[in-house]
N, C-alpha and C. Protein backbone atom coordinates (compact mmCIF):
# COMPACT_ATOMS: atom_id res chain seq x y z
N LEU A 1 -17.44 -4.38 44.14
CA LEU A 1 -17.13 -5.76 43.80
C LEU A 1 -16.94 -6.62 45.04
N ASP A 2 -16.50 -5.99 46.12
CA ASP A 2 -16.37 -6.75 47.36
C ASP A 2 -17.70 -7.35 47.80
N VAL A 3 -18.78 -6.64 47.53
CA VAL A 3 -20.11 -7.12 47.92
C VAL A 3 -20.66 -8.10 46.88
N SER A 4 -20.55 -7.76 45.61
CA SER A 4 -21.15 -8.58 44.55
C SER A 4 -20.35 -9.83 44.22
N LEU A 5 -19.03 -9.75 44.35
CA LEU A 5 -18.15 -10.89 44.04
C LEU A 5 -17.14 -11.06 45.17
N PRO A 6 -17.58 -11.51 46.32
CA PRO A 6 -16.67 -11.58 47.47
C PRO A 6 -15.45 -12.46 47.22
N TRP A 7 -15.53 -13.40 46.32
CA TRP A 7 -14.41 -14.28 46.00
C TRP A 7 -13.31 -13.57 45.23
N TRP A 8 -13.59 -12.40 44.70
CA TRP A 8 -12.60 -11.72 43.86
C TRP A 8 -11.37 -11.32 44.65
N ASN A 9 -11.48 -11.23 45.97
CA ASN A 9 -10.33 -10.89 46.80
C ASN A 9 -9.24 -11.96 46.73
N GLY A 10 -9.57 -13.16 46.33
CA GLY A 10 -8.58 -14.22 46.21
C GLY A 10 -7.84 -14.21 44.88
N LEU A 11 -8.20 -13.31 43.99
CA LEU A 11 -7.53 -13.23 42.69
C LEU A 11 -6.23 -12.44 42.79
N SER A 12 -5.40 -12.62 41.79
CA SER A 12 -4.18 -11.82 41.70
C SER A 12 -4.53 -10.36 41.45
N ASP A 13 -3.57 -9.49 41.68
CA ASP A 13 -3.78 -8.06 41.45
C ASP A 13 -4.15 -7.78 39.99
N VAL A 14 -3.52 -8.48 39.07
CA VAL A 14 -3.80 -8.25 37.64
C VAL A 14 -5.23 -8.64 37.31
N ARG A 15 -5.64 -9.78 37.75
CA ARG A 15 -7.00 -10.24 37.43
C ARG A 15 -8.05 -9.40 38.15
N ARG A 16 -7.73 -8.93 39.33
CA ARG A 16 -8.64 -7.99 40.01
C ARG A 16 -8.73 -6.68 39.21
N ALA A 17 -7.60 -6.24 38.66
CA ALA A 17 -7.59 -5.01 37.86
C ALA A 17 -8.44 -5.17 36.60
N VAL A 18 -8.41 -6.36 36.01
CA VAL A 18 -9.24 -6.63 34.82
C VAL A 18 -10.71 -6.47 35.19
N LEU A 19 -11.14 -7.14 36.25
CA LEU A 19 -12.55 -7.06 36.65
C LEU A 19 -12.93 -5.64 37.07
N ALA A 20 -12.04 -4.95 37.76
CA ALA A 20 -12.32 -3.58 38.17
C ALA A 20 -12.46 -2.67 36.96
N SER A 21 -11.63 -2.87 35.96
CA SER A 21 -11.71 -2.06 34.74
C SER A 21 -13.02 -2.31 34.02
N MET A 22 -13.40 -3.56 33.94
CA MET A 22 -14.68 -3.88 33.30
C MET A 22 -15.84 -3.27 34.07
N ALA A 23 -15.80 -3.35 35.39
CA ALA A 23 -16.87 -2.77 36.22
C ALA A 23 -16.89 -1.26 36.10
N PHE A 24 -15.72 -0.64 35.99
CA PHE A 24 -15.66 0.82 35.83
C PHE A 24 -16.31 1.23 34.52
N GLN A 25 -16.04 0.47 33.47
CA GLN A 25 -16.58 0.80 32.15
C GLN A 25 -18.07 0.52 32.04
N MET A 26 -18.51 -0.64 32.53
CA MET A 26 -19.89 -1.08 32.31
C MET A 26 -20.77 -0.96 33.54
N GLY A 27 -20.17 -0.67 34.68
CA GLY A 27 -20.88 -0.71 35.94
C GLY A 27 -20.84 -2.13 36.48
N VAL A 28 -21.02 -2.26 37.77
CA VAL A 28 -20.99 -3.59 38.38
C VAL A 28 -22.11 -4.44 37.80
N GLY A 29 -23.27 -3.85 37.59
CA GLY A 29 -24.38 -4.60 37.01
C GLY A 29 -24.04 -5.15 35.64
N GLY A 30 -23.35 -4.37 34.85
CA GLY A 30 -22.93 -4.83 33.53
C GLY A 30 -21.95 -5.99 33.63
N LEU A 31 -21.00 -5.86 34.52
CA LEU A 31 -20.03 -6.93 34.71
C LEU A 31 -20.74 -8.21 35.16
N LEU A 32 -21.72 -8.09 36.01
CA LEU A 32 -22.41 -9.27 36.53
C LEU A 32 -23.19 -10.03 35.46
N THR A 33 -23.42 -9.41 34.30
CA THR A 33 -24.09 -10.13 33.21
C THR A 33 -23.15 -11.13 32.55
N PHE A 34 -21.87 -11.06 32.84
CA PHE A 34 -20.88 -11.99 32.29
C PHE A 34 -20.84 -13.25 33.16
N THR A 35 -21.97 -13.92 33.27
CA THR A 35 -22.08 -15.03 34.22
C THR A 35 -21.11 -16.16 33.92
N ASN A 36 -21.00 -16.57 32.66
CA ASN A 36 -20.09 -17.67 32.32
C ASN A 36 -18.64 -17.25 32.53
N THR A 37 -18.30 -16.05 32.10
CA THR A 37 -16.94 -15.55 32.28
C THR A 37 -16.58 -15.51 33.75
N LEU A 38 -17.46 -14.97 34.56
CA LEU A 38 -17.19 -14.89 36.00
C LEU A 38 -17.09 -16.27 36.63
N ARG A 39 -17.89 -17.20 36.16
CA ARG A 39 -17.81 -18.58 36.67
C ARG A 39 -16.43 -19.15 36.34
N HIS A 40 -15.95 -18.91 35.12
CA HIS A 40 -14.62 -19.41 34.74
C HIS A 40 -13.52 -18.75 35.57
N VAL A 41 -13.65 -17.45 35.81
CA VAL A 41 -12.65 -16.77 36.64
C VAL A 41 -12.64 -17.39 38.03
N ARG A 42 -13.80 -17.56 38.59
CA ARG A 42 -13.89 -18.12 39.94
C ARG A 42 -13.30 -19.52 40.02
N GLN A 43 -13.45 -20.30 38.95
CA GLN A 43 -12.93 -21.66 38.90
C GLN A 43 -11.45 -21.72 38.54
N GLY A 44 -10.87 -20.56 38.18
CA GLY A 44 -9.46 -20.53 37.81
C GLY A 44 -9.19 -20.90 36.36
N ASN A 45 -10.24 -20.97 35.55
CA ASN A 45 -10.09 -21.29 34.14
C ASN A 45 -9.98 -19.97 33.36
N TYR A 46 -8.82 -19.37 33.42
CA TYR A 46 -8.64 -18.02 32.89
C TYR A 46 -8.65 -17.98 31.37
N PHE A 47 -8.25 -19.07 30.71
CA PHE A 47 -8.32 -19.11 29.25
C PHE A 47 -9.78 -19.00 28.80
N MET A 48 -10.65 -19.78 29.41
CA MET A 48 -12.07 -19.74 29.04
C MET A 48 -12.70 -18.41 29.45
N ALA A 49 -12.27 -17.85 30.57
CA ALA A 49 -12.78 -16.55 30.98
C ALA A 49 -12.43 -15.50 29.93
N ALA A 50 -11.17 -15.52 29.47
CA ALA A 50 -10.74 -14.57 28.45
C ALA A 50 -11.53 -14.78 27.16
N GLN A 51 -11.77 -16.03 26.81
CA GLN A 51 -12.54 -16.31 25.59
C GLN A 51 -13.96 -15.76 25.72
N GLY A 52 -14.55 -15.92 26.89
CA GLY A 52 -15.89 -15.36 27.11
C GLY A 52 -15.90 -13.85 26.99
N MET A 53 -14.86 -13.22 27.48
CA MET A 53 -14.75 -11.77 27.34
C MET A 53 -14.73 -11.38 25.87
N LEU A 54 -13.95 -12.11 25.07
CA LEU A 54 -13.79 -11.78 23.65
C LEU A 54 -15.02 -12.12 22.82
N ASP A 55 -15.84 -13.03 23.31
CA ASP A 55 -17.05 -13.44 22.58
C ASP A 55 -18.26 -12.58 22.93
N SER A 56 -18.06 -11.49 23.60
CA SER A 56 -19.18 -10.68 24.08
C SER A 56 -19.46 -9.47 23.19
N ARG A 57 -20.63 -8.91 23.37
CA ARG A 57 -20.98 -7.66 22.69
C ARG A 57 -20.06 -6.53 23.14
N TRP A 58 -19.66 -6.55 24.40
CA TRP A 58 -18.71 -5.58 24.92
C TRP A 58 -17.43 -5.56 24.10
N ALA A 59 -16.93 -6.75 23.73
CA ALA A 59 -15.70 -6.84 22.93
C ALA A 59 -15.91 -6.27 21.54
N THR A 60 -17.11 -6.43 21.01
CA THR A 60 -17.40 -5.85 19.70
C THR A 60 -17.43 -4.33 19.78
N GLN A 61 -17.92 -3.82 20.89
CA GLN A 61 -18.04 -2.37 21.06
C GLN A 61 -16.72 -1.71 21.43
N THR A 62 -15.87 -2.39 22.18
CA THR A 62 -14.58 -1.84 22.60
C THR A 62 -13.49 -2.89 22.37
N PRO A 63 -13.18 -3.17 21.11
CA PRO A 63 -12.29 -4.30 20.81
C PRO A 63 -10.87 -4.16 21.35
N GLU A 64 -10.31 -2.97 21.33
CA GLU A 64 -8.94 -2.81 21.82
C GLU A 64 -8.86 -3.08 23.32
N ARG A 65 -9.78 -2.49 24.06
CA ARG A 65 -9.80 -2.71 25.51
C ARG A 65 -10.06 -4.17 25.83
N ALA A 66 -11.03 -4.76 25.16
CA ALA A 66 -11.38 -6.16 25.43
C ALA A 66 -10.20 -7.08 25.13
N THR A 67 -9.51 -6.84 24.03
CA THR A 67 -8.36 -7.67 23.67
C THR A 67 -7.26 -7.55 24.72
N ARG A 68 -7.01 -6.33 25.15
CA ARG A 68 -5.97 -6.08 26.16
C ARG A 68 -6.33 -6.73 27.49
N LEU A 69 -7.57 -6.54 27.94
CA LEU A 69 -7.97 -7.10 29.23
C LEU A 69 -8.06 -8.62 29.19
N ALA A 70 -8.49 -9.18 28.06
CA ALA A 70 -8.53 -10.64 27.94
C ALA A 70 -7.12 -11.22 27.99
N ALA A 71 -6.18 -10.55 27.36
CA ALA A 71 -4.78 -11.00 27.41
C ALA A 71 -4.27 -10.97 28.85
N ALA A 72 -4.60 -9.92 29.58
CA ALA A 72 -4.18 -9.83 30.98
C ALA A 72 -4.84 -10.92 31.83
N MET A 73 -6.10 -11.22 31.54
CA MET A 73 -6.79 -12.28 32.28
C MET A 73 -6.08 -13.62 32.05
N ARG A 74 -5.69 -13.88 30.81
CA ARG A 74 -5.01 -15.14 30.49
C ARG A 74 -3.62 -15.21 31.10
N SER A 75 -2.86 -14.14 30.94
CA SER A 75 -1.42 -14.17 31.27
C SER A 75 -1.09 -13.85 32.71
N ASP A 76 -1.96 -13.06 33.35
CA ASP A 76 -1.70 -12.55 34.69
C ASP A 76 -0.45 -11.65 34.69
N ASP A 77 -0.20 -11.02 33.55
CA ASP A 77 0.98 -10.17 33.37
C ASP A 77 0.54 -8.71 33.40
N PRO A 78 1.05 -7.92 34.32
CA PRO A 78 0.63 -6.51 34.39
C PRO A 78 0.95 -5.71 33.15
N SER A 79 1.93 -6.15 32.37
CA SER A 79 2.26 -5.40 31.15
C SER A 79 1.15 -5.51 30.10
N ASP A 80 0.26 -6.50 30.25
CA ASP A 80 -0.89 -6.64 29.32
C ASP A 80 -2.02 -5.67 29.66
N LEU A 81 -1.98 -5.11 30.86
CA LEU A 81 -3.03 -4.15 31.22
C LEU A 81 -2.82 -2.91 30.42
């Protein structure tokens, strides 16, 4: 992720953990297909980023994980991880 999303280093630990978890599950290439979500994360619009996560096929396939990670993206609360 340091190479593909160099801006991610400026995120909080919780939001970095969300992206790392998604990349671990889907691969970095899979995470990079979330173009709108990543744009929202980069812009600091975490509510819209979380909504994009929940509106994805990934969320349909792994709803519990997606719900948990989207909550963490919104709240920046480690207890949501």
